[in-house]
Protein backbone atom coordinates (compact mmCIF):
# COMPACT_ATOMS: atom_id res chain seq x y z
CA MET A 1 -55.54 -5.68 21.48
CA SER A 2 -52.67 -6.67 23.01
CA LEU A 3 -50.72 -9.76 22.29
CA PRO A 4 -50.37 -13.18 24.96
CA LEU A 5 -46.52 -13.21 26.21
CA PRO A 6 -45.50 -16.69 24.81
CA ALA A 7 -46.13 -14.90 21.44
CA ILE A 8 -44.08 -11.60 22.34
CA LEU A 9 -41.14 -14.14 24.00
CA ALA A 10 -41.79 -16.33 20.39
CA THR A 11 -40.64 -13.06 18.25
CA LEU A 12 -38.30 -11.70 20.35
CA ALA A 13 -36.63 -14.94 20.15
CA ALA A 14 -36.94 -15.48 15.84
CA THR A 15 -35.66 -11.40 15.92
CA LEU A 16 -32.77 -12.38 18.26
CA ALA A 17 -31.94 -15.37 16.48
CA LEU A 18 -32.07 -13.68 12.85
CA ALA A 19 -30.70 -10.81 14.38
CA THR A 20 -27.65 -13.26 15.33
CA TRP A 21 -27.81 -15.36 12.01
CA GLY A 22 -27.16 -11.42 9.90
CA ALA A 23 -24.16 -10.70 12.18
CA ALA A 24 -22.33 -14.02 11.68
CA ASP A 25 -23.27 -14.26 8.19
CA LEU A 26 -21.81 -10.07 8.05
CA LEU A 27 -18.83 -11.54 10.17
CA ALA A 28 -18.96 -14.44 8.25
CA GLY A 29 -18.42 -12.46 4.57
CA TRP A 30 -16.21 -9.90 5.91
CA SER A 31 -13.19 -12.59 7.05
CA ARG A 32 -13.79 -13.94 3.90
CA ARG A 33 -13.16 -11.09 2.19
CA ARG A 34 -9.90 -9.89 3.97
CA ARG A 35 -9.06 -13.46 3.61
CA LEU A 36 -9.42 -12.89 -0.27
CA LEU A 37 -7.97 -9.34 -0.15
CA ALA A 38 -4.77 -10.72 1.11
CA ARG A 39 -4.27 -13.53 -1.04
CA SER A 40 -4.60 -11.66 -3.77
CA VAL A 41 -2.26 -9.58 -2.88
CA ALA A 42 0.12 -11.83 -1.74
CA SER A 43 -0.21 -13.17 -5.51
CA ALA A 44 0.02 -9.34 -7.26
CA ASP A 45 3.33 -8.33 -5.66
CA GLY A 46 4.50 -12.12 -5.03
CA SER A 47 4.29 -11.14 -0.53
CA GLY A 48 4.23 -13.90 1.82
CA THR A 49 5.66 -15.14 5.00
CA GLY A 50 8.73 -16.76 4.30
CA LEU A 51 12.12 -15.33 4.90
CA ALA A 52 12.13 -14.90 1.01
CA ASP A 53 9.27 -13.20 1.24
CA ARG A 54 9.90 -10.84 3.58
CA LEU A 55 13.03 -9.48 2.06
CA ASP A 56 10.99 -8.53 -1.04
CA ARG A 57 9.05 -6.66 0.27
CA ALA A 58 12.35 -5.00 1.91
CA LEU A 59 13.91 -4.95 -1.10
CA ARG A 60 10.84 -3.53 -3.02
CA GLY A 61 10.48 -0.50 -0.56
CA THR A 62 13.67 1.10 -0.85
CA VAL A 63 14.76 2.91 -4.38
CA LEU A 64 16.51 1.07 -6.44
CA GLY A 65 13.96 -2.30 -5.18
CA LYS A 66 11.28 -0.74 -6.66
CA ALA A 67 13.19 0.28 -10.56
CA LEU A 68 14.34 -2.90 -10.71
CA ALA A 69 10.60 -4.08 -9.66
CA ARG A 70 9.35 -1.57 -12.95
CA ARG A 71 11.78 -3.85 -15.14
CA LEU A 72 11.34 -6.54 -14.26
CA ALA A 73 7.29 -6.88 -14.39
CA ALA A 74 7.99 -4.21 -18.08
CA ALA A 75 10.64 -7.24 -18.97
CA GLY A 76 7.37 -9.75 -18.50
CA MET A 77 9.81 -11.62 -16.36
CA ARG A 78 8.85 -13.84 -13.48
CA TRP A 79 11.66 -12.81 -11.24
CA ARG A 80 11.69 -11.57 -7.21
CA VAL A 81 14.02 -8.54 -6.60
CA SER A 82 15.56 -10.51 -3.86
CA THR A 83 16.38 -12.86 -6.88
CA LEU A 84 18.04 -10.34 -9.22
CA LEU A 85 20.48 -9.17 -6.62
CA LEU A 86 21.50 -12.72 -5.46
CA THR A 87 22.08 -13.26 -8.56
CA LEU A 88 23.92 -10.24 -9.23
CA VAL A 89 26.22 -10.37 -5.75
CA GLY A 90 26.69 -14.11 -6.51
CA GLY A 91 27.64 -13.82 -10.12
CA ALA A 92 29.78 -10.88 -9.34
CA THR A 93 31.89 -12.75 -6.31
CA ALA A 94 32.35 -16.14 -8.19
CA ALA A 95 34.02 -13.37 -11.14
CA VAL A 96 35.67 -12.09 -9.13
CA VAL A 97 37.51 -15.34 -6.88
CA LEU A 98 37.53 -17.74 -10.74
CA VAL A 99 39.39 -14.74 -12.95
CA GLY A 100 40.72 -13.00 -10.25
CA THR A 101 42.84 -16.14 -9.53
CA TRP A 102 43.26 -17.31 -13.05
CA VAL A 103 44.86 -14.09 -14.35
CA ALA A 104 44.50 -11.12 -12.25
CA PRO A 105 42.30 -9.19 -9.43
CA LEU A 106 41.73 -6.61 -11.12
CA PHE A 107 40.90 -8.45 -13.94
CA GLY A 108 38.36 -10.38 -11.78
CA VAL A 109 36.79 -6.60 -10.98
CA VAL A 110 37.27 -6.10 -14.24
CA ALA A 111 35.00 -9.79 -14.15
CA ALA A 112 32.30 -9.15 -11.68
CA VAL A 113 31.72 -5.29 -13.64
CA GLY A 114 30.71 -7.01 -16.61
CA VAL A 115 28.53 -10.36 -15.27
CA VAL A 116 26.40 -7.49 -13.75
CA MET A 117 26.27 -5.19 -17.09
CA GLY A 118 26.22 -8.72 -18.62
CA VAL A 119 22.55 -9.46 -16.55
CA LEU A 120 21.42 -5.69 -16.67
CA SER A 121 21.08 -6.58 -20.49
CA PHE A 122 20.18 -9.57 -20.25
CA VAL A 123 16.67 -8.15 -18.53
CA ARG A 124 17.23 -4.85 -20.88
CA ARG A 125 17.48 -7.13 -23.96
CA ARG A 126 14.10 -9.34 -22.75
CA GLU A 127 12.42 -5.77 -22.30
CA ARG A 128 13.24 -4.36 -25.20
CA ARG A 129 11.69 -6.99 -27.25
CA ARG A 130 8.64 -7.68 -25.35
CA ASN A 131 8.09 -3.81 -25.90
CA GLU A 132 8.84 -4.87 -29.34
CA GLU A 133 6.66 -7.39 -30.13
CA PHE A 134 3.24 -5.22 -27.50
CA ILE A 135 4.08 -2.72 -30.77
CA ALA A 136 3.78 -5.33 -33.30
CA GLN A 137 0.42 -5.95 -32.14
CA LEU A 138 -0.82 -2.26 -32.61
CA PRO A 139 -2.06 -2.51 -35.85
CA GLU A 140 -4.15 -5.32 -34.44
CA LEU A 141 -5.21 -3.82 -31.31
CA ALA A 142 -6.38 -0.91 -32.46
CA ARG A 143 -8.45 -2.80 -35.05
CA VAL A 144 -10.11 -4.82 -32.26
CA LEU A 145 -11.26 -1.67 -30.36
CA SER A 146 -12.06 -0.07 -33.43
CA ASN A 147 -14.83 -2.43 -34.40
CA ALA A 148 -15.68 -2.79 -30.32
CA THR A 149 -16.29 0.48 -30.23
CA HIS A 150 -18.29 0.43 -34.39
CA ALA A 151 -20.81 -2.38 -32.62
CA GLY A 152 -21.56 1.13 -29.67
CA LEU A 153 -19.40 -0.22 -26.17
CA VAL A 154 -17.90 1.87 -24.20
CA MET A 155 -14.25 2.02 -23.88
CA ARG A 156 -13.47 -0.02 -20.57
CA THR A 157 -15.81 -3.07 -22.04
CA ALA A 158 -13.60 -2.63 -25.55
CA LEU A 159 -10.09 -2.70 -23.75
CA GLN A 160 -11.91 -6.32 -22.99
CA ILE A 161 -12.36 -8.11 -25.63
CA ALA A 162 -8.96 -7.15 -26.30
CA ALA A 163 -7.26 -8.35 -23.50
CA ASP A 164 -9.24 -11.34 -24.04
CA GLU A 165 -9.27 -11.59 -27.75
CA LEU A 166 -5.07 -10.58 -28.54
CA ALA A 167 -2.64 -12.58 -27.34
CA ASP A 168 0.11 -11.39 -24.65
CA PRO A 169 2.45 -9.35 -24.23
CA ALA A 170 -0.49 -6.98 -25.19
CA GLY A 171 -3.42 -9.68 -23.42
CA GLU A 172 -0.81 -9.80 -20.44
CA GLU A 173 -1.25 -5.48 -20.40
CA LEU A 174 -4.74 -5.03 -21.49
CA ARG A 175 -5.83 -7.30 -18.28
CA LYS A 176 -3.96 -5.34 -16.36
CA THR A 177 -5.31 -1.77 -17.56
CA SER A 178 -9.05 -3.63 -17.31
CA ASP A 179 -8.20 -4.55 -14.24
CA ALA A 180 -7.93 -0.66 -13.30
CA LEU A 181 -10.89 0.06 -14.44
CA ARG A 182 -12.75 -2.46 -12.52
CA LEU A 183 -10.78 -1.58 -8.77
CA GLY A 184 -12.53 2.49 -10.26
CA GLN A 185 -9.96 3.63 -11.84
CA PRO A 186 -10.26 6.14 -14.70
CA VAL A 187 -10.02 5.15 -18.20
CA GLU A 188 -7.63 8.64 -18.35
CA ALA A 189 -5.15 7.18 -16.33
CA ALA A 190 -5.17 3.29 -17.09
CA LEU A 191 -4.20 3.84 -20.21
CA ARG A 192 -1.40 6.59 -19.16
CA ASP A 193 -0.11 3.66 -16.85
CA LEU A 194 -0.48 1.48 -20.19
CA GLY A 195 2.07 4.04 -21.78
CA ASP A 196 4.46 3.97 -18.82
CA ARG A 197 4.54 0.35 -18.62
CA LEU A 198 5.02 0.18 -22.01
CA PRO A 199 7.01 3.02 -23.32
CA SER A 200 6.83 3.52 -27.72
CA ARG A 201 6.24 6.67 -29.70
CA GLU A 202 3.11 3.86 -31.48
CA LEU A 203 1.38 3.22 -28.19
CA GLY A 204 1.09 6.98 -27.27
CA VAL A 205 -0.40 8.63 -30.33
CA LEU A 206 -3.37 5.35 -29.62
CA VAL A 207 -3.32 6.32 -26.64
CA SER A 208 -3.49 10.11 -26.81
CA THR A 209 -6.18 9.53 -29.26
CA LEU A 210 -8.04 7.62 -26.83
CA VAL A 211 -7.85 10.40 -24.34
CA VAL A 212 -8.93 12.99 -26.55
CA SER A 213 -11.84 10.86 -27.40
CA ALA A 214 -12.48 9.89 -24.28
CA ARG A 215 -12.47 14.40 -23.68
CA ALA A 216 -14.04 15.71 -26.47
CA GLY A 217 -15.98 13.16 -28.12
CA GLY A 218 -15.07 13.00 -32.62
CA SER A 219 -15.37 10.11 -34.85
CA LEU A 220 -13.48 7.35 -32.38
CA VAL A 221 -13.60 4.48 -35.09
CA THR A 222 -12.47 6.54 -38.01
CA ALA A 223 -9.90 7.82 -36.12
CA LEU A 224 -8.49 4.44 -35.26
CA ARG A 225 -9.13 2.61 -38.54
CA THR A 226 -6.64 4.95 -39.90
CA ILE A 227 -4.02 4.36 -37.05
CA ALA A 228 -4.43 0.78 -37.38
CA GLY A 229 -3.11 1.66 -40.58
CA THR A 230 -0.64 3.47 -40.47
CA LEU A 231 1.24 1.23 -37.41
CA GLU A 232 0.96 -1.51 -40.21
CA GLU A 233 2.98 0.98 -42.39
CA ARG A 234 5.68 1.40 -39.43
CA LYS A 235 5.73 -2.19 -38.30
CA GLU A 236 7.07 -2.83 -41.92
CA THR A 237 9.71 0.04 -42.31
CA ARG A 238 10.88 -1.07 -38.59
CA ARG A 239 10.98 -5.57 -39.42
CA GLU A 240 13.03 -3.80 -43.05
CA VAL A 241 15.25 -1.39 -41.05
CA ARG A 242 16.63 -4.11 -38.40
CA THR A 243 16.94 -6.05 -41.27
CA ILE A 244 19.00 -3.76 -43.11
CA MET A 245 21.02 -2.87 -39.73
CA GLY A 246 22.00 -7.19 -38.93
CA GLU A 247 25.54 -6.63 -40.35
CA ALA A 248 26.12 -3.65 -37.75
CA VAL A 249 24.40 -5.76 -34.76
CA VAL A 250 26.50 -8.76 -36.05
CA THR A 251 29.72 -6.69 -35.50
CA ASN A 252 28.78 -5.61 -32.34
CA TRP A 253 29.05 -8.95 -30.70
CA ALA A 254 31.84 -9.85 -32.66
CA ILE A 255 33.96 -6.89 -31.08
CA GLY A 256 32.77 -8.01 -27.76
CA ILE A 257 33.58 -11.52 -28.22
CA LEU A 258 36.86 -10.58 -30.10
CA SER A 259 38.26 -9.14 -27.23
CA VAL A 260 37.13 -11.30 -23.94
CA ALA A 261 38.56 -14.22 -26.94
CA GLY A 262 42.30 -11.41 -27.59
CA VAL A 263 42.68 -11.32 -23.68
CA ALA A 264 42.24 -15.19 -22.89
CA LEU A 265 44.63 -15.82 -25.37
CA ILE A 266 47.83 -13.36 -24.92
CA ASN A 267 47.46 -14.63 -21.58
CA PHE A 268 47.88 -18.90 -23.31
CA MET A 269 50.65 -17.65 -25.28
CA GLN A 270 52.48 -16.32 -22.53
CA PRO A 271 51.18 -16.95 -19.39
CA GLY A 272 51.39 -15.03 -16.63
CA ALA A 273 51.15 -12.03 -18.35
CA LEU A 274 48.36 -10.97 -17.94
CA ARG A 275 48.91 -10.69 -14.44
CA THR A 276 52.32 -9.11 -14.39
CA MET A 277 50.80 -6.58 -16.16
CA SER A 278 48.13 -6.02 -14.29
CA GLU A 279 50.93 -5.33 -11.29
CA ARG A 280 52.70 -2.46 -12.98
CA LEU A 281 51.99 1.13 -14.04
CA PRO A 282 52.49 1.29 -17.55
CA GLY A 283 50.67 -2.46 -18.37
CA GLN A 284 47.50 -1.11 -16.38
CA ILE A 285 47.86 2.42 -18.33
CA ILE A 286 48.17 0.22 -21.22
CA LEU A 287 45.31 -1.87 -20.66
CA ALA A 288 42.84 0.90 -19.33
CA ILE A 289 43.00 2.46 -22.81
CA ALA A 290 42.52 -0.88 -24.85
CA ALA A 291 39.10 -1.05 -22.35
CA GLY A 292 38.24 1.91 -23.11
CA LEU A 293 38.60 2.14 -26.29
CA PHE A 294 36.32 -0.66 -26.49
CA VAL A 295 33.75 0.74 -24.99
CA VAL A 296 33.88 2.93 -27.00
CA GLY A 297 33.09 1.26 -29.66
CA LEU A 298 30.50 -1.07 -28.53
CA VAL A 299 28.81 2.37 -27.14
CA ILE A 300 29.19 4.11 -30.93
CA ILE A 301 27.65 0.61 -32.98
CA GLY A 302 25.30 0.26 -30.24
CA ARG A 303 24.38 3.79 -31.39
CA ILE A 304 24.95 3.28 -35.25
CA THR A 305 22.59 0.05 -34.70
CA ARG A 306 19.57 1.44 -32.89
CA ILE A 307 17.03 3.68 -35.32
CA ASP A 308 14.57 5.13 -33.94
CA VAL A 309 11.56 4.33 -36.34
């Protein structure tokens, strides 16, 4: 039994309308997905369409830019790579002009090197402090993971719970790990990336335990509870050692401050003495020896005060 022509035309029209609506909805979904993906990538790496954004993307493509970006991320600083480099260049230029005009061009160059080393030392100190804060949270992290796995949750869910319960920096780093797991990265690779971002012996032990458990199984709950107790003891030991070495740390800072203050005092007591000294070869040799001795003293005291517990 054949259908009438109007019914066939109505069916074709309805099918065409549904197909058109479906195709339009699919294209709209793809467009929204591309916009959201571009927005998420822009917010993650600081990319955009401005001049500063393009400069930052160009710098991040270099070896130096990638290294600086990793250091800034490890330090928890929201600076752009371009901002850091412009700060270094601007500070070094100002030091050369101001100190070189006030004392001598040679001291301007030394001051520029000091500014660059000071800014990089500040970033390194922020990175070290954030790493220590994360290490202090490791016993609590081990306990949260132990409780979650004891309740029957898988490691992905346990890491997400720990990211929600712990404060920063542990919460921020675990959220990055959870996001990587949601995007399909294996648990082992995500944990390895976490250990690379915040290198430490304590985190290495915890990551190795989780990786071995994910590969071969075993009593993960017991291992995590044992690790939590051990990490708590190590945290107390680190605190005691830091308190004992506090005097040596103050001595390290005092040597650096007194060296700069002594040079400024000499030039204040006898104006133009440093300029005269830096313009002659014997004076340059004496200044180089004195600067070398100061640097050696700072390095030795820094190595003494750096204790790996």
